[in-house]
Protein backbone atom coordinates (compact mmCIF):
# COMPACT_ATOMS: atom_id res chain seq x y z
CA MET A 1 31.52 -45.60 -22.81
CA ILE A 2 33.28 -47.16 -25.83
CA LEU A 3 35.66 -44.83 -27.66
CA THR A 4 34.18 -43.36 -30.84
CA ASP A 5 36.44 -45.28 -33.27
CA SER A 6 35.62 -48.68 -31.77
CA LEU A 7 31.99 -47.63 -31.40
CA LEU A 8 31.84 -46.85 -35.10
CA ASP A 9 33.33 -50.24 -35.89
CA PHE A 10 30.70 -51.82 -33.61
CA PHE A 11 28.02 -49.87 -35.48
CA LEU A 12 29.23 -51.00 -38.91
CA GLU A 13 29.60 -54.59 -37.76
CA THR A 14 26.04 -54.53 -36.41
CA ARG A 15 24.60 -53.01 -39.58
CA LYS A 16 26.25 -55.70 -41.69
CA HIS A 17 25.04 -58.52 -39.46
CA SER A 18 21.37 -57.51 -39.89
CA GLU A 19 21.78 -57.82 -43.63
CA ASP A 20 23.69 -61.09 -43.32
CA ILE A 21 20.69 -62.57 -41.47
CA CYS A 22 18.57 -61.84 -44.53
CA ILE A 23 20.90 -63.38 -47.11
CA PRO A 24 19.02 -66.74 -47.19
CA LEU A 25 15.68 -65.02 -47.87
CA GLU A 26 13.84 -64.90 -51.16
CA ILE A 27 12.46 -61.49 -52.11
CA GLU A 28 8.91 -62.71 -51.35
CA ASP A 29 9.87 -63.52 -47.75
CA TYR A 30 10.63 -59.89 -46.89
CA VAL A 31 7.02 -58.66 -46.67
CA VAL A 32 5.10 -61.54 -45.00
CA GLN A 33 3.37 -60.90 -41.64
CA PRO A 34 1.45 -64.00 -40.44
CA ILE A 35 0.43 -62.53 -37.04
CA VAL A 36 0.55 -59.14 -35.33
CA ASP A 37 3.55 -60.10 -33.16
CA VAL A 38 5.70 -60.96 -36.19
CA SER A 39 6.99 -58.12 -38.35
CA PRO A 40 8.18 -58.55 -41.95
CA PRO A 41 11.98 -58.67 -42.37
CA LYS A 42 11.82 -55.59 -44.61
CA TRP A 43 10.18 -53.63 -41.80
CA HIS A 44 12.91 -54.60 -39.30
CA LEU A 45 15.60 -53.44 -41.73
CA GLY A 46 13.83 -50.12 -42.19
CA HIS A 47 12.87 -49.57 -38.55
CA THR A 48 16.41 -50.06 -37.21
CA THR A 49 17.61 -47.58 -39.83
CA TRP A 50 14.90 -45.04 -38.95
CA PHE A 51 16.03 -45.22 -35.29
CA PHE A 52 19.47 -43.80 -36.18
CA GLU A 53 17.98 -41.23 -38.52
CA GLU A 54 15.28 -40.07 -36.11
CA PHE A 55 17.29 -39.87 -32.89
CA ILE A 56 20.75 -38.92 -34.16
CA LEU A 57 20.89 -37.51 -37.69
CA LYS A 58 17.64 -35.57 -37.76
CA PRO A 59 18.19 -33.58 -34.53
CA HIS A 60 22.00 -33.38 -34.49
CA ALA A 61 23.46 -33.51 -38.02
CA LYS A 62 23.52 -30.03 -39.52
CA ASN A 63 21.75 -29.75 -42.90
CA TYR A 64 20.83 -33.45 -42.85
CA VAL A 65 18.33 -34.31 -45.60
CA LEU A 66 15.80 -37.05 -44.85
CA PHE A 67 15.99 -40.00 -47.21
CA ASP A 68 12.20 -40.07 -47.50
CA GLU A 69 9.75 -37.94 -45.54
CA ASP A 70 7.21 -40.79 -45.38
CA PHE A 71 9.61 -43.23 -43.73
CA SER A 72 8.99 -41.96 -40.20
CA PHE A 73 5.32 -42.87 -40.62
CA VAL A 74 6.22 -46.26 -42.12
CA PHE A 75 9.02 -47.34 -39.76
CA ASN A 76 8.14 -45.82 -36.38
CA SER A 77 7.17 -48.67 -34.06
CA TYR A 78 5.55 -47.45 -30.84
CA TYR A 79 7.04 -44.00 -30.15
CA GLU A 80 4.05 -41.76 -29.47
CA THR A 81 6.38 -38.80 -28.94
CA VAL A 82 7.64 -39.00 -32.52
CA GLY A 83 4.27 -38.97 -34.27
CA LYS A 84 1.83 -41.06 -36.27
CA ARG A 85 2.80 -44.49 -37.60
CA VAL A 86 1.50 -47.45 -39.55
CA VAL A 87 -0.70 -49.73 -37.42
CA ARG A 88 1.41 -52.68 -36.28
CA SER A 89 -0.88 -55.29 -37.84
CA ASP A 90 -0.59 -53.54 -41.23
CA ARG A 91 3.18 -53.84 -41.61
CA GLY A 92 2.68 -56.82 -43.91
CA ASN A 93 0.61 -54.67 -46.28
CA LEU A 94 3.64 -52.54 -47.12
CA SER A 95 4.51 -53.86 -50.56
CA ARG A 96 6.07 -50.43 -50.98
CA PRO A 97 8.67 -49.15 -50.25
CA SER A 98 10.43 -51.92 -52.13
CA VAL A 99 13.11 -54.10 -50.59
CA LYS A 100 15.59 -52.41 -52.94
CA LYS A 101 14.62 -48.98 -51.61
CA VAL A 102 14.89 -50.14 -47.99
CA TYR A 103 18.43 -51.37 -48.62
CA ALA A 104 19.22 -48.02 -50.27
CA TYR A 105 17.82 -46.32 -47.16
CA ARG A 106 20.09 -48.44 -44.96
CA LYS A 107 23.17 -47.49 -46.96
CA TYR A 108 22.22 -43.80 -46.95
CA VAL A 109 21.79 -43.65 -43.19
CA THR A 110 24.82 -45.83 -42.46
CA ASP A 111 27.02 -43.61 -44.61
CA ASN A 112 25.65 -40.47 -42.97
CA ILE A 113 26.18 -41.85 -39.46
CA LYS A 114 29.74 -42.78 -40.34
CA GLN A 115 30.46 -39.33 -41.75
CA PHE A 116 28.76 -37.60 -38.82
CA PHE A 117 30.75 -39.45 -36.15
CA ASN A 118 34.00 -39.04 -38.03
CA ASN A 119 33.53 -35.29 -37.58
CA THR A 120 31.60 -35.03 -34.31
CA GLN A 121 32.45 -36.06 -30.76
CA GLY A 122 30.37 -36.05 -27.59
CA GLU A 123 29.36 -38.29 -24.71
CA GLU A 124 25.64 -37.80 -25.32
CA LEU A 125 25.94 -38.61 -29.02
CA ASN A 126 28.05 -41.68 -28.28
CA SER A 127 25.38 -42.85 -25.86
CA LEU A 128 22.69 -42.42 -28.52
CA LEU A 129 24.75 -44.36 -31.02
CA GLU A 130 25.37 -47.13 -28.52
CA ILE A 131 21.70 -47.56 -27.66
CA GLY A 132 20.90 -47.52 -31.38
CA ILE A 133 23.37 -50.35 -31.92
CA HIS A 134 21.85 -52.45 -29.17
CA HIS A 135 18.37 -51.61 -30.41
CA GLU A 136 19.38 -53.07 -33.79
CA LYS A 137 20.81 -56.13 -32.04
CA GLN A 138 17.45 -56.68 -30.37
CA HIS A 139 15.87 -56.58 -33.80
CA GLN A 140 18.43 -59.06 -35.13
CA GLU A 141 17.02 -61.58 -32.67
CA LEU A 142 13.50 -60.62 -33.71
CA LEU A 143 14.54 -60.99 -37.35
CA LEU A 144 15.61 -64.58 -36.75
CA THR A 145 12.54 -65.52 -34.75
CA ASP A 146 10.16 -63.71 -37.09
CA ILE A 147 11.74 -65.36 -40.13
CA LYS A 148 11.33 -68.72 -38.41
CA TYR A 149 7.66 -68.00 -37.78
CA ILE A 150 7.12 -66.86 -41.37
CA LEU A 151 8.77 -69.95 -42.85
CA GLY A 152 7.43 -72.27 -40.15
CA ASN A 153 3.89 -71.32 -41.13
CA ASN A 154 4.57 -71.85 -44.81
CA PRO A 155 2.93 -75.18 -45.77
CA LEU A 156 6.19 -76.26 -47.44
CA LEU A 157 8.18 -75.73 -44.21
CA PRO A 158 11.21 -74.48 -46.16
CA VAL A 159 14.79 -74.43 -44.86
CA TYR A 160 16.04 -71.04 -43.69
CA SER A 161 19.71 -71.95 -43.24
CA ASP A 162 21.75 -75.10 -42.69
CA SER A 163 24.35 -73.11 -40.76
CA PHE A 164 22.11 -71.78 -37.97
CA GLU A 165 21.77 -74.26 -35.10
CA ASP A 166 18.69 -73.47 -33.06
CA HIS A 167 18.59 -76.67 -30.99
CA PRO A 168 22.01 -77.26 -29.35
CA ALA A 169 21.91 -79.91 -26.62
CA GLU A 170 23.37 -79.51 -23.13
CA SER A 171 25.85 -82.32 -22.47
CA HIS A 172 26.16 -82.09 -18.67
CA SER A 173 24.08 -84.10 -16.19
CA GLN A 174 21.18 -82.54 -14.33
CA ASP A 175 21.92 -81.48 -10.75
CA TRP A 176 20.53 -79.08 -8.17
CA ILE A 177 22.44 -75.98 -7.04
CA THR A 178 21.73 -74.80 -3.50
CA ILE A 179 21.74 -71.09 -2.72
CA GLU A 180 21.71 -70.26 0.97
CA GLU A 181 19.35 -67.81 2.61
CA GLY A 182 20.66 -64.28 2.64
CA ILE A 183 20.61 -60.74 1.33
CA TYR A 184 21.87 -60.34 -2.24
CA GLU A 185 22.40 -57.39 -4.58
CA ILE A 186 20.49 -57.32 -7.86
CA GLY A 187 20.95 -55.15 -10.93
CA HIS A 188 23.58 -53.79 -13.29
CA LYS A 189 26.69 -52.35 -11.64
CA THR A 190 29.43 -51.87 -14.27
CA ASN A 191 30.04 -49.06 -16.77
CA ASP A 192 29.23 -51.37 -19.68
CA PHE A 193 26.05 -50.85 -21.65
CA CYS A 194 22.72 -51.80 -20.13
CA TYR A 195 19.09 -50.77 -20.47
CA ASP A 196 17.40 -48.51 -17.96
CA ASN A 197 15.25 -51.38 -16.62
CA GLU A 198 18.44 -53.06 -15.27
CA LEU A 199 19.39 -50.03 -13.18
CA GLY A 200 18.50 -49.30 -9.60
CA ARG A 201 20.85 -51.84 -8.03
CA HIS A 202 19.23 -52.97 -4.82
CA LYS A 203 19.19 -55.64 -2.15
CA VAL A 204 16.76 -58.56 -1.99
CA PHE A 205 16.28 -61.19 0.69
CA LEU A 206 16.13 -64.76 -0.59
CA HIS A 207 15.16 -67.86 1.34
CA THR A 208 17.27 -70.98 0.79
CA TYR A 209 16.39 -72.52 -2.58
CA GLU A 210 17.64 -74.97 -5.16
CA ILE A 211 17.81 -74.39 -8.90
CA SER A 212 18.52 -76.83 -11.71
CA ASN A 213 21.84 -76.53 -13.52
CA LYS A 214 20.14 -77.71 -16.71
CA LEU A 215 17.21 -76.62 -18.85
CA VAL A 216 14.14 -78.81 -19.22
CA THR A 217 14.54 -81.04 -22.27
CA ASN A 218 12.22 -82.09 -25.08
CA GLY A 219 12.16 -85.63 -23.71
CA GLU A 220 11.02 -84.46 -20.29
CA TYR A 221 8.30 -82.35 -21.87
CA ILE A 222 7.10 -85.26 -24.03
CA GLU A 223 6.36 -87.11 -20.78
CA PHE A 224 4.25 -84.12 -19.69
CA ILE A 225 2.28 -84.38 -22.94
CA LYS A 226 1.93 -88.18 -22.71
CA THR A 227 0.50 -88.04 -19.19
CA GLY A 228 -2.18 -85.55 -20.21
CA GLY A 229 -0.54 -82.31 -19.09
CA TYR A 230 -2.59 -80.28 -21.56
CA GLN A 231 -5.81 -81.84 -20.26
CA ARG A 232 -5.30 -81.27 -16.52
CA PHE A 233 -6.92 -78.02 -15.45
CA ASP A 234 -5.48 -78.30 -11.93
CA ILE A 235 -1.89 -77.50 -12.96
CA TRP A 236 -2.71 -74.40 -15.04
CA HIS A 237 -3.47 -70.82 -14.14
CA ALA A 238 -7.10 -70.04 -14.95
CA GLU A 239 -5.99 -67.67 -17.71
CA GLY A 240 -3.56 -70.28 -19.00
CA TRP A 241 -6.27 -72.95 -19.03
CA ASP A 242 -8.51 -70.61 -21.03
CA TRP A 243 -5.62 -69.99 -23.45
CA VAL A 244 -5.04 -73.73 -23.94
CA ASN A 245 -8.69 -74.43 -24.67
CA GLN A 246 -9.46 -71.39 -26.78
CA ASN A 247 -6.40 -71.97 -28.96
CA HIS A 248 -6.50 -75.80 -28.91
CA VAL A 249 -2.88 -75.95 -27.70
CA THR A 250 -1.58 -79.52 -27.33
CA SER A 251 2.19 -79.11 -27.80
CA PRO A 252 4.94 -76.47 -28.10
CA LEU A 253 4.95 -74.15 -31.10
CA TYR A 254 6.24 -75.76 -34.33
CA TRP A 255 5.65 -79.33 -33.08
CA HIS A 256 3.90 -81.81 -35.39
CA ASN A 257 2.86 -85.35 -34.48
CA ILE A 258 3.49 -87.43 -37.61
CA ASP A 259 2.52 -91.11 -37.43
CA GLY A 260 2.88 -91.06 -33.65
CA GLU A 261 6.31 -89.45 -33.64
CA TRP A 262 7.08 -85.84 -32.72
CA HIS A 263 8.71 -83.59 -35.31
CA HIS A 264 9.30 -79.85 -35.15
CA TYR A 265 10.05 -77.09 -37.59
CA THR A 266 13.60 -75.78 -37.23
CA SER A 267 15.73 -73.36 -39.21
CA ARG A 268 16.96 -76.43 -41.09
CA GLY A 269 13.42 -77.48 -41.98
CA LEU A 270 11.22 -80.19 -40.46
CA GLN A 271 13.24 -82.45 -38.14
CA LYS A 272 12.51 -85.21 -35.65
CA VAL A 273 12.40 -83.91 -32.09
CA LYS A 274 15.53 -85.01 -30.23
CA LYS A 275 14.77 -85.77 -26.60
CA GLU A 276 18.11 -84.53 -25.27
CA GLU A 277 17.76 -81.01 -26.68
CA PRO A 278 16.46 -78.15 -24.51
CA LEU A 279 12.77 -77.43 -24.88
CA THR A 280 11.82 -74.18 -26.60
CA HIS A 281 8.92 -72.16 -28.01
CA VAL A 282 6.72 -72.58 -24.92
CA SER A 283 4.67 -69.88 -23.23
CA TYR A 284 4.91 -68.86 -19.60
CA PHE A 285 1.58 -70.67 -19.11
CA GLU A 286 3.15 -73.92 -20.36
CA ALA A 287 6.33 -73.41 -18.34
CA PHE A 288 4.29 -72.87 -15.17
CA ALA A 289 2.06 -75.90 -15.82
CA TYR A 290 5.06 -78.13 -16.46
CA ALA A 291 6.72 -77.01 -13.21
CA GLN A 292 3.47 -77.70 -11.34
CA TRP A 293 3.22 -81.14 -12.92
CA LYS A 294 6.78 -81.94 -11.79
CA GLY A 295 6.12 -80.71 -8.28
CA TYR A 296 8.57 -77.82 -8.60
CA ARG A 297 8.32 -74.16 -9.62
CA LEU A 298 9.95 -71.51 -11.79
CA PRO A 299 12.69 -69.39 -10.22
CA THR A 300 12.17 -65.69 -9.65
CA GLU A 301 14.35 -63.38 -11.71
CA PHE A 302 16.31 -62.57 -8.53
CA GLU A 303 16.95 -66.23 -7.78
CA TRP A 304 18.08 -66.70 -11.38
CA GLU A 305 20.47 -63.74 -11.26
CA VAL A 306 22.08 -64.83 -8.00
CA ALA A 307 22.55 -68.44 -9.18
CA GLN A 308 23.50 -67.88 -12.83
CA ALA A 309 27.25 -68.05 -12.20
CA PHE A 310 26.86 -71.75 -11.32
CA PHE A 311 25.28 -73.00 -14.55
CA PRO A 312 25.64 -72.38 -18.30
CA TRP A 313 23.00 -70.15 -19.84
CA GLY A 314 22.29 -68.46 -23.15
CA LYS A 315 20.60 -71.18 -25.23
CA ARG A 316 17.05 -70.23 -24.23
CA TRP A 317 15.28 -67.21 -22.80
CA GLU A 318 14.15 -68.62 -19.48
CA TRP A 319 10.72 -67.83 -18.08
CA THR A 320 10.79 -66.67 -14.47
CA GLU A 321 8.07 -66.26 -11.89
CA SER A 322 8.66 -62.51 -11.73
CA ALA A 323 6.35 -59.85 -13.06
CA TYR A 324 8.05 -57.17 -15.15
CA LEU A 325 8.20 -54.24 -12.72
CA PRO A 326 10.55 -51.29 -12.15
CA TYR A 327 13.46 -51.64 -9.77
CA PRO A 328 13.61 -49.24 -6.79
CA ASN A 329 14.30 -45.63 -7.86
CA TYR A 330 13.77 -46.49 -11.52
CA GLN A 331 14.02 -43.37 -13.65
CA LYS A 332 12.48 -43.22 -17.10
CA ALA A 333 14.43 -41.14 -19.61
CA ASP A 334 12.94 -37.92 -20.95
CA GLY A 335 11.44 -37.76 -24.44
CA ALA A 336 10.92 -40.57 -26.92
CA LEU A 337 13.67 -42.82 -25.55
CA GLY A 338 11.74 -42.89 -22.27
CA GLU A 339 9.22 -45.04 -24.11
CA TYR A 340 11.81 -47.79 -24.62
CA ASN A 341 11.04 -49.92 -21.55
CA GLY A 342 9.08 -48.19 -18.83
CA LYS A 343 5.64 -48.09 -20.45
CA PHE A 344 5.62 -51.88 -20.87
CA MET A 345 5.91 -52.65 -17.16
CA VAL A 346 2.47 -54.23 -16.81
CA ASN A 347 1.00 -57.68 -17.47
CA GLN A 348 4.32 -59.17 -18.62
CA LYS A 349 6.73 -61.77 -17.26
CA VAL A 350 10.51 -61.43 -17.05
CA LEU A 351 12.77 -63.82 -18.95
CA ARG A 352 16.46 -64.17 -18.22
CA GLY A 353 19.53 -65.48 -20.02
CA GLY A 354 19.49 -65.11 -23.78
CA SER A 355 19.02 -67.52 -26.65
CA VAL A 356 20.70 -69.02 -29.68
CA ALA A 357 19.29 -66.06 -31.61
CA THR A 358 20.68 -63.38 -29.27
CA PRO A 359 23.55 -61.58 -31.04
CA VAL A 360 27.09 -61.60 -29.69
CA LYS A 361 28.02 -58.66 -27.44
CA HIS A 362 24.38 -58.35 -26.38
CA THR A 363 24.03 -60.74 -23.43
CA ARG A 364 24.63 -60.15 -19.73
CA HIS A 365 23.32 -61.72 -16.56
CA THR A 366 21.33 -58.61 -15.58
CA TYR A 367 19.43 -58.41 -18.91
CA ARG A 368 15.65 -58.32 -18.29
CA ASN A 369 13.70 -59.51 -21.29
CA PHE A 370 9.91 -59.40 -21.04
CA PHE A 371 6.91 -60.81 -22.89
CA HIS A 372 3.23 -61.44 -22.36
CA PRO A 373 2.66 -64.89 -20.82
CA GLN A 374 0.95 -66.42 -23.88
CA LEU A 375 3.72 -65.62 -26.37
CA ARG A 376 6.11 -68.33 -27.56
CA TRP A 377 7.59 -67.44 -30.93
CA GLN A 378 10.86 -66.51 -29.23
CA PHE A 379 13.37 -69.19 -28.16
CA THR A 380 11.79 -69.52 -24.73
CA GLY A 381 12.42 -72.42 -22.34
CA LEU A 382 12.54 -73.10 -18.62
CA ARG A 383 14.70 -74.09 -15.70
CA LEU A 384 13.17 -75.56 -12.55
CA ALA A 385 13.59 -74.41 -8.96
CA LYS A 386 12.47 -75.70 -5.58
């Protein structure tokens, strides 16, 4: 556990970074919700604040006065234990509370947390503060990807920021890393922060396999498109093939074919697709189909974790072939925080690594991200195995 003083600094640094992400926004950008999976920036700012108020200040700070009694209803996400909440698809209808009031709410709660921890010590409280910090860091990544979706679906395709680089290329040559057959240990093992879904360190047996030291690139994926990858039913899961046809999918998210040349929306606006850059914004269905087309496969999350020390990672969340399931002896926490991970362990795929949008001090090789297989608004890519 981090000492309280440094933990408070970490908290304040995290709170500031969320607001820094929103500096390039116009006031109108804060409330837009194009699809159910994308939340308005204003809602993220309020929800991460509510988390600290609901789980720390409200139950533990003596004589704490709620900033607004309606905010639990407005900014609760999925915590059934806590009470009723705004339907997720209606978050974009919240023209009120105003952006100004949400920022006032953030300052109020931040100041109260700072005062509370300057006068209160305790391992349990420190743990709550730490998980709240990492919860906000998760939402910082969602802020960036949701903002990209909001602006990327604006007909003007406006620039978000010239300073954020969402398509850094990998300069090394592609090679295959061989991992020998054997029994390996999987899961988090240090005293550093992790989520409960990383615990339950256990042994797995792996057959000999090879894994690429490099992510699949845009240029490689363009060849998949050119050769009719989106028209070949035989390389897709049945559900994936239905998804392609029902949604008329012919390229990764944000790609536009203009006069026979591929462009894509980036945080810097519409840009030509550079072949050497790592592919992103593809679904698990697309990642699987591409691997099938190449004659390879996706690695399991266990294969990825064992091999990750031998290649650079962190530019893309990497789809794996593993279903999101509990590790042996997984224990869900009591109360509302028990809803954090465990109840989502069905019908989702594990992603490993991290992305250009993942905040600093929030990545580790045991991190288990998870999404439904059709989703692709995150910075998702793939690495091949055989």
